[in-house]
mmCIF file of all heavy atoms, coordinates in Angstrom:
data_MODEL
# 
_entry.id   MODEL 
# 
loop_
_atom_site.group_PDB 
_atom_site.id 
_atom_site.type_symbol 
_atom_site.label_atom_id 
_atom_site.label_alt_id 
_atom_site.label_comp_id 
_atom_site.label_asym_id 
_atom_site.label_entity_id 
_atom_site.label_seq_id 
_atom_site.pdbx_PDB_ins_code 
_atom_site.Cartn_x 
_atom_site.Cartn_y 
_atom_site.Cartn_z 
_atom_site.occupancy 
_atom_site.B_iso_or_equiv 
_atom_site.pdbx_formal_charge 
_atom_site.auth_seq_id 
_atom_site.auth_comp_id 
_atom_site.auth_asym_id 
_atom_site.auth_atom_id 
_atom_site.pdbx_PDB_model_num 
ATOM 1   N N   . ALA A 1 1  ? -3.676 4.379   18.836 1.00 0.00 ? 1  ALA A N   1 
ATOM 2   C CA  . ALA A 1 1  ? -2.497 4.207   17.981 1.00 0.00 ? 1  ALA A CA  1 
ATOM 3   C C   . ALA A 1 1  ? -2.320 2.757   17.563 1.00 0.00 ? 1  ALA A C   1 
ATOM 4   O O   . ALA A 1 1  ? -2.026 2.461   16.398 1.00 0.00 ? 1  ALA A O   1 
ATOM 5   C CB  . ALA A 1 1  ? -1.249 4.699   18.718 1.00 0.00 ? 1  ALA A CB  1 
ATOM 6   N N   . ILE A 1 2  ? -2.495 1.834   18.524 1.00 0.00 ? 2  ILE A N   1 
ATOM 7   C CA  . ILE A 1 2  ? -2.351 0.420   18.190 1.00 0.00 ? 2  ILE A CA  1 
ATOM 8   C C   . ILE A 1 2  ? -3.459 -0.005  17.239 1.00 0.00 ? 2  ILE A C   1 
ATOM 9   O O   . ILE A 1 2  ? -3.234 -0.727  16.277 1.00 0.00 ? 2  ILE A O   1 
ATOM 10  C CB  . ILE A 1 2  ? -2.358 -0.439  19.466 1.00 0.00 ? 2  ILE A CB  1 
ATOM 11  C CG1 . ILE A 1 2  ? -1.127 -0.119  20.309 1.00 0.00 ? 2  ILE A CG1 1 
ATOM 12  C CG2 . ILE A 1 2  ? -2.390 -1.919  19.129 1.00 0.00 ? 2  ILE A CG2 1 
ATOM 13  C CD1 . ILE A 1 2  ? -1.132 -0.767  21.669 1.00 0.00 ? 2  ILE A CD1 1 
ATOM 14  N N   . GLY A 1 3  ? -4.685 0.471   17.476 1.00 0.00 ? 3  GLY A N   1 
ATOM 15  C CA  . GLY A 1 3  ? -5.780 0.136   16.583 1.00 0.00 ? 3  GLY A CA  1 
ATOM 16  C C   . GLY A 1 3  ? -5.529 0.636   15.169 1.00 0.00 ? 3  GLY A C   1 
ATOM 17  O O   . GLY A 1 3  ? -5.813 -0.047  14.185 1.00 0.00 ? 3  GLY A O   1 
ATOM 18  N N   . SER A 1 4  ? -4.949 1.845   15.052 1.00 0.00 ? 4  SER A N   1 
ATOM 19  C CA  . SER A 1 4  ? -4.625 2.370   13.730 1.00 0.00 ? 4  SER A CA  1 
ATOM 20  C C   . SER A 1 4  ? -3.574 1.524   13.049 1.00 0.00 ? 4  SER A C   1 
ATOM 21  O O   . SER A 1 4  ? -3.633 1.274   11.849 1.00 0.00 ? 4  SER A O   1 
ATOM 22  C CB  . SER A 1 4  ? -4.124 3.822   13.853 1.00 0.00 ? 4  SER A CB  1 
ATOM 23  O OG  . SER A 1 4  ? -5.149 4.656   14.346 1.00 0.00 ? 4  SER A OG  1 
ATOM 24  N N   . ALA A 1 5  ? -2.576 1.066   13.841 1.00 0.00 ? 5  ALA A N   1 
ATOM 25  C CA  . ALA A 1 5  ? -1.527 0.223   13.265 1.00 0.00 ? 5  ALA A CA  1 
ATOM 26  C C   . ALA A 1 5  ? -2.110 -1.073  12.729 1.00 0.00 ? 5  ALA A C   1 
ATOM 27  O O   . ALA A 1 5  ? -1.727 -1.545  11.656 1.00 0.00 ? 5  ALA A O   1 
ATOM 28  C CB  . ALA A 1 5  ? -0.454 -0.076  14.320 1.00 0.00 ? 5  ALA A CB  1 
ATOM 29  N N   . ILE A 1 6  ? -3.045 -1.658  13.485 1.00 0.00 ? 6  ILE A N   1 
ATOM 30  C CA  . ILE A 1 6  ? -3.684 -2.894  13.039 1.00 0.00 ? 6  ILE A CA  1 
ATOM 31  C C   . ILE A 1 6  ? -4.449 -2.652  11.746 1.00 0.00 ? 6  ILE A C   1 
ATOM 32  O O   . ILE A 1 6  ? -4.344 -3.401  10.777 1.00 0.00 ? 6  ILE A O   1 
ATOM 33  C CB  . ILE A 1 6  ? -4.613 -3.448  14.139 1.00 0.00 ? 6  ILE A CB  1 
ATOM 34  C CG1 . ILE A 1 6  ? -3.770 -3.953  15.317 1.00 0.00 ? 6  ILE A CG1 1 
ATOM 35  C CG2 . ILE A 1 6  ? -5.501 -4.554  13.601 1.00 0.00 ? 6  ILE A CG2 1 
ATOM 36  C CD1 . ILE A 1 6  ? -4.589 -4.284  16.545 1.00 0.00 ? 6  ILE A CD1 1 
ATOM 37  N N   . GLY A 1 7  ? -5.218 -1.580  11.695 1.00 0.00 ? 7  GLY A N   1 
ATOM 38  C CA  . GLY A 1 7  ? -5.973 -1.272  10.493 1.00 0.00 ? 7  GLY A CA  1 
ATOM 39  C C   . GLY A 1 7  ? -5.073 -0.958  9.318  1.00 0.00 ? 7  GLY A C   1 
ATOM 40  O O   . GLY A 1 7  ? -5.307 -1.400  8.197  1.00 0.00 ? 7  GLY A O   1 
ATOM 41  N N   . ASN A 1 8  ? -3.971 -0.215  9.563  1.00 0.00 ? 8  ASN A N   1 
ATOM 42  C CA  . ASN A 1 8  ? -3.061 0.135   8.489  1.00 0.00 ? 8  ASN A CA  1 
ATOM 43  C C   . ASN A 1 8  ? -2.347 -1.080  7.935  1.00 0.00 ? 8  ASN A C   1 
ATOM 44  O O   . ASN A 1 8  ? -2.080 -1.170  6.738  1.00 0.00 ? 8  ASN A O   1 
ATOM 45  C CB  . ASN A 1 8  ? -2.022 1.151   8.990  1.00 0.00 ? 8  ASN A CB  1 
ATOM 46  C CG  . ASN A 1 8  ? -2.641 2.516   9.234  1.00 0.00 ? 8  ASN A CG  1 
ATOM 47  O OD1 . ASN A 1 8  ? -3.708 2.817   8.727  1.00 0.00 ? 8  ASN A OD1 1 
ATOM 48  N ND2 . ASN A 1 8  ? -1.964 3.338   10.036 1.00 0.00 ? 8  ASN A ND2 1 
ATOM 49  N N   . ALA A 1 9  ? -2.010 -2.036  8.811  1.00 0.00 ? 9  ALA A N   1 
ATOM 50  C CA  . ALA A 1 9  ? -1.341 -3.245  8.339  1.00 0.00 ? 9  ALA A CA  1 
ATOM 51  C C   . ALA A 1 9  ? -2.235 -4.009  7.387  1.00 0.00 ? 9  ALA A C   1 
ATOM 52  O O   . ALA A 1 9  ? -1.806 -4.517  6.359  1.00 0.00 ? 9  ALA A O   1 
ATOM 53  C CB  . ALA A 1 9  ? -0.947 -4.147  9.520  1.00 0.00 ? 9  ALA A CB  1 
ATOM 54  N N   . SER A 1 10 ? -3.525 -4.088  7.720  1.00 0.00 ? 10 SER A N   1 
ATOM 55  C CA  . SER A 1 10 ? -4.468 -4.784  6.844  1.00 0.00 ? 10 SER A CA  1 
ATOM 56  C C   . SER A 1 10 ? -4.619 -4.060  5.530  1.00 0.00 ? 10 SER A C   1 
ATOM 57  O O   . SER A 1 10 ? -4.607 -4.658  4.457  1.00 0.00 ? 10 SER A O   1 
ATOM 58  C CB  . SER A 1 10 ? -5.826 -4.895  7.543  1.00 0.00 ? 10 SER A CB  1 
ATOM 59  O OG  . SER A 1 10 ? -6.767 -5.522  6.715  1.00 0.00 ? 10 SER A OG  1 
ATOM 60  N N   . GLY A 1 11 ? -4.734 -2.710  5.597  1.00 0.00 ? 11 GLY A N   1 
ATOM 61  C CA  . GLY A 1 11 ? -4.901 -1.935  4.379  1.00 0.00 ? 11 GLY A CA  1 
ATOM 62  C C   . GLY A 1 11 ? -3.682 -2.003  3.488  1.00 0.00 ? 11 GLY A C   1 
ATOM 63  O O   . GLY A 1 11 ? -3.791 -2.111  2.266  1.00 0.00 ? 11 GLY A O   1 
ATOM 64  N N   . SER A 1 12 ? -2.483 -1.960  4.102  1.00 0.00 ? 12 SER A N   1 
ATOM 65  C CA  . SER A 1 12 ? -1.255 -2.022  3.320  1.00 0.00 ? 12 SER A CA  1 
ATOM 66  C C   . SER A 1 12 ? -1.141 -3.352  2.598  1.00 0.00 ? 12 SER A C   1 
ATOM 67  O O   . SER A 1 12 ? -0.707 -3.416  1.454  1.00 0.00 ? 12 SER A O   1 
ATOM 68  C CB  . SER A 1 12 ? -0.038 -1.837  4.235  1.00 0.00 ? 12 SER A CB  1 
ATOM 69  O OG  . SER A 1 12 ? -0.079 -0.561  4.827  1.00 0.00 ? 12 SER A OG  1 
ATOM 70  N N   . ALA A 1 13 ? -1.536 -4.432  3.281  1.00 0.00 ? 13 ALA A N   1 
ATOM 71  C CA  . ALA A 1 13 ? -1.463 -5.748  2.660  1.00 0.00 ? 13 ALA A CA  1 
ATOM 72  C C   . ALA A 1 13 ? -2.380 -5.809  1.444  1.00 0.00 ? 13 ALA A C   1 
ATOM 73  O O   . ALA A 1 13 ? -2.007 -6.312  0.386  1.00 0.00 ? 13 ALA A O   1 
ATOM 74  C CB  . ALA A 1 13 ? -1.844 -6.839  3.661  1.00 0.00 ? 13 ALA A CB  1 
ATOM 75  N N   . ALA A 1 14 ? -3.583 -5.272  1.582  1.00 0.00 ? 14 ALA A N   1 
ATOM 76  C CA  . ALA A 1 14 ? -4.529 -5.327  0.476  1.00 0.00 ? 14 ALA A CA  1 
ATOM 77  C C   . ALA A 1 14 ? -4.066 -4.490  -0.698 1.00 0.00 ? 14 ALA A C   1 
ATOM 78  O O   . ALA A 1 14 ? -4.371 -4.784  -1.851 1.00 0.00 ? 14 ALA A O   1 
ATOM 79  C CB  . ALA A 1 14 ? -5.903 -4.852  0.952  1.00 0.00 ? 14 ALA A CB  1 
ATOM 80  N N   . ALA A 1 15 ? -3.276 -3.439  -0.385 1.00 0.00 ? 15 ALA A N   1 
ATOM 81  C CA  . ALA A 1 15 ? -2.846 -2.532  -1.433 1.00 0.00 ? 15 ALA A CA  1 
ATOM 82  C C   . ALA A 1 15 ? -1.662 -3.062  -2.229 1.00 0.00 ? 15 ALA A C   1 
ATOM 83  O O   . ALA A 1 15 ? -1.298 -2.493  -3.251 1.00 0.00 ? 15 ALA A O   1 
ATOM 84  C CB  . ALA A 1 15 ? -2.483 -1.176  -0.831 1.00 0.00 ? 15 ALA A CB  1 
ATOM 85  N N   . THR A 1 16 ? -1.022 -4.123  -1.767 1.00 0.00 ? 16 THR A N   1 
ATOM 86  C CA  . THR A 1 16 ? 0.184  -4.604  -2.436 1.00 0.00 ? 16 THR A CA  1 
ATOM 87  C C   . THR A 1 16 ? -0.104 -5.401  -3.684 1.00 0.00 ? 16 THR A C   1 
ATOM 88  O O   . THR A 1 16 ? 0.801  -5.679  -4.457 1.00 0.00 ? 16 THR A O   1 
ATOM 89  C CB  . THR A 1 16 ? 1.007  -5.491  -1.481 1.00 0.00 ? 16 THR A CB  1 
ATOM 90  O OG1 . THR A 1 16 ? 0.198  -6.590  -1.072 1.00 0.00 ? 16 THR A OG1 1 
ATOM 91  C CG2 . THR A 1 16 ? 1.480  -4.708  -0.279 1.00 0.00 ? 16 THR A CG2 1 
ATOM 92  N N   . GLY A 1 17 ? -1.311 -5.800  -3.904 1.00 0.00 ? 17 GLY A N   1 
ATOM 93  C CA  . GLY A 1 17 ? -1.606 -6.597  -5.096 1.00 0.00 ? 17 GLY A CA  1 
ATOM 94  C C   . GLY A 1 17 ? -3.095 -6.708  -5.285 1.00 0.00 ? 17 GLY A C   1 
ATOM 95  O O   . GLY A 1 17 ? -3.874 -6.183  -4.512 1.00 0.00 ? 17 GLY A O   1 
ATOM 96  N N   . SER A 1 18 ? -3.505 -7.378  -6.318 1.00 0.00 ? 18 SER A N   1 
ATOM 97  C CA  . SER A 1 18 ? -4.924 -7.582  -6.560 1.00 0.00 ? 18 SER A CA  1 
ATOM 98  C C   . SER A 1 18 ? -5.236 -9.049  -6.387 1.00 0.00 ? 18 SER A C   1 
ATOM 99  O O   . SER A 1 18 ? -5.477 -9.512  -5.281 1.00 0.00 ? 18 SER A O   1 
ATOM 100 C CB  . SER A 1 18 ? -5.277 -7.074  -7.968 1.00 0.00 ? 18 SER A CB  1 
ATOM 101 O OG  . SER A 1 18 ? -4.421 -7.670  -8.928 1.00 0.00 ? 18 SER A OG  1 
ATOM 102 N N   . ALA A 1 19 ? -5.188 -9.806  -7.478 1.00 0.00 ? 19 ALA A N   1 
ATOM 103 C CA  . ALA A 1 19 ? -5.492 -11.229 -7.372 1.00 0.00 ? 19 ALA A CA  1 
ATOM 104 C C   . ALA A 1 19 ? -4.441 -11.962 -6.548 1.00 0.00 ? 19 ALA A C   1 
ATOM 105 O O   . ALA A 1 19 ? -4.708 -13.007 -5.984 1.00 0.00 ? 19 ALA A O   1 
ATOM 106 C CB  . ALA A 1 19 ? -5.576 -11.840 -8.768 1.00 0.00 ? 19 ALA A CB  1 
ATOM 107 N N   . GLU A 1 20 ? -3.207 -11.400 -6.496 1.00 0.00 ? 20 GLU A N   1 
ATOM 108 C CA  . GLU A 1 20 ? -2.120 -12.056 -5.803 1.00 0.00 ? 20 GLU A CA  1 
ATOM 109 C C   . GLU A 1 20 ? -2.108 -11.741 -4.307 1.00 0.00 ? 20 GLU A C   1 
ATOM 110 O O   . GLU A 1 20 ? -1.311 -12.293 -3.569 1.00 0.00 ? 20 GLU A O   1 
ATOM 111 C CB  . GLU A 1 20 ? -0.770 -11.636 -6.412 1.00 0.00 ? 20 GLU A CB  1 
ATOM 112 C CG  . GLU A 1 20 ? -0.422 -12.387 -7.685 1.00 0.00 ? 20 GLU A CG  1 
ATOM 113 C CD  . GLU A 1 20 ? -0.030 -13.818 -7.393 1.00 0.00 ? 20 GLU A CD  1 
ATOM 114 O OE1 . GLU A 1 20 ? 0.980  -14.053 -6.711 1.00 0.00 ? 20 GLU A OE1 1 
ATOM 115 O OE2 . GLU A 1 20 ? -0.759 -14.715 -7.845 1.00 0.00 ? 20 GLU A OE2 1 
ATOM 116 N N   . ALA A 1 21 ? -2.917 -10.807 -3.839 1.00 0.00 ? 21 ALA A N   1 
ATOM 117 C CA  . ALA A 1 21 ? -2.897 -10.427 -2.433 1.00 0.00 ? 21 ALA A CA  1 
ATOM 118 C C   . ALA A 1 21 ? -3.191 -11.645 -1.548 1.00 0.00 ? 21 ALA A C   1 
ATOM 119 O O   . ALA A 1 21 ? -4.046 -12.469 -1.857 1.00 0.00 ? 21 ALA A O   1 
ATOM 120 C CB  . ALA A 1 21 ? -3.920 -9.327  -2.171 1.00 0.00 ? 21 ALA A CB  1 
ATOM 121 N N   . VAL A 1 22 ? -2.459 -11.745 -0.463 1.00 0.00 ? 22 VAL A N   1 
ATOM 122 C CA  . VAL A 1 22 ? -2.590 -12.878 0.453  1.00 0.00 ? 22 VAL A CA  1 
ATOM 123 C C   . VAL A 1 22 ? -3.528 -12.485 1.588  1.00 0.00 ? 22 VAL A C   1 
ATOM 124 O O   . VAL A 1 22 ? -3.277 -11.496 2.288  1.00 0.00 ? 22 VAL A O   1 
ATOM 125 C CB  . VAL A 1 22 ? -1.208 -13.274 1.017  1.00 0.00 ? 22 VAL A CB  1 
ATOM 126 C CG1 . VAL A 1 22 ? -1.334 -14.432 2.003  1.00 0.00 ? 22 VAL A CG1 1 
ATOM 127 C CG2 . VAL A 1 22 ? -0.254 -13.638 -0.118 1.00 0.00 ? 22 VAL A CG2 1 
ATOM 128 N N   . PRO A 1 23 ? -4.612 -13.219 1.821  1.00 0.00 ? 23 PRO A N   1 
ATOM 129 C CA  . PRO A 1 23 ? -5.533 -12.865 2.902  1.00 0.00 ? 23 PRO A CA  1 
ATOM 130 C C   . PRO A 1 23 ? -4.913 -13.141 4.263  1.00 0.00 ? 23 PRO A C   1 
ATOM 131 O O   . PRO A 1 23 ? -4.070 -14.043 4.404  1.00 0.00 ? 23 PRO A O   1 
ATOM 132 C CB  . PRO A 1 23 ? -6.745 -13.768 2.652  1.00 0.00 ? 23 PRO A CB  1 
ATOM 133 C CG  . PRO A 1 23 ? -6.200 -14.928 1.891  1.00 0.00 ? 23 PRO A CG  1 
ATOM 134 C CD  . PRO A 1 23 ? -5.075 -14.392 1.055  1.00 0.00 ? 23 PRO A CD  1 
ATOM 135 N N   . PRO A 1 24 ? -5.291 -12.384 5.298  1.00 0.00 ? 24 PRO A N   1 
ATOM 136 C CA  . PRO A 1 24 ? -4.701 -12.570 6.611  1.00 0.00 ? 24 PRO A CA  1 
ATOM 137 C C   . PRO A 1 24 ? -4.785 -13.990 7.148  1.00 0.00 ? 24 PRO A C   1 
ATOM 138 O O   . PRO A 1 24 ? -3.874 -14.441 7.856  1.00 0.00 ? 24 PRO A O   1 
ATOM 139 C CB  . PRO A 1 24 ? -5.494 -11.585 7.486  1.00 0.00 ? 24 PRO A CB  1 
ATOM 140 C CG  . PRO A 1 24 ? -5.921 -10.510 6.549  1.00 0.00 ? 24 PRO A CG  1 
ATOM 141 C CD  . PRO A 1 24 ? -6.197 -11.218 5.256  1.00 0.00 ? 24 PRO A CD  1 
ATOM 142 N N   . ALA A 1 25 ? -5.842 -14.723 6.816  1.00 0.00 ? 25 ALA A N   1 
ATOM 143 C CA  . ALA A 1 25 ? -5.986 -16.086 7.336  1.00 0.00 ? 25 ALA A CA  1 
ATOM 144 C C   . ALA A 1 25 ? -4.836 -16.985 6.911  1.00 0.00 ? 25 ALA A C   1 
ATOM 145 O O   . ALA A 1 25 ? -4.483 -17.935 7.625  1.00 0.00 ? 25 ALA A O   1 
ATOM 146 C CB  . ALA A 1 25 ? -7.313 -16.681 6.881  1.00 0.00 ? 25 ALA A CB  1 
# 
């Protein structure tokens, strides 16, 4: 469950924008 949450958080971030998306770093 925690691993899915981590993966979903990354995917959700990428889905919020294209060129404007903020990388996790």
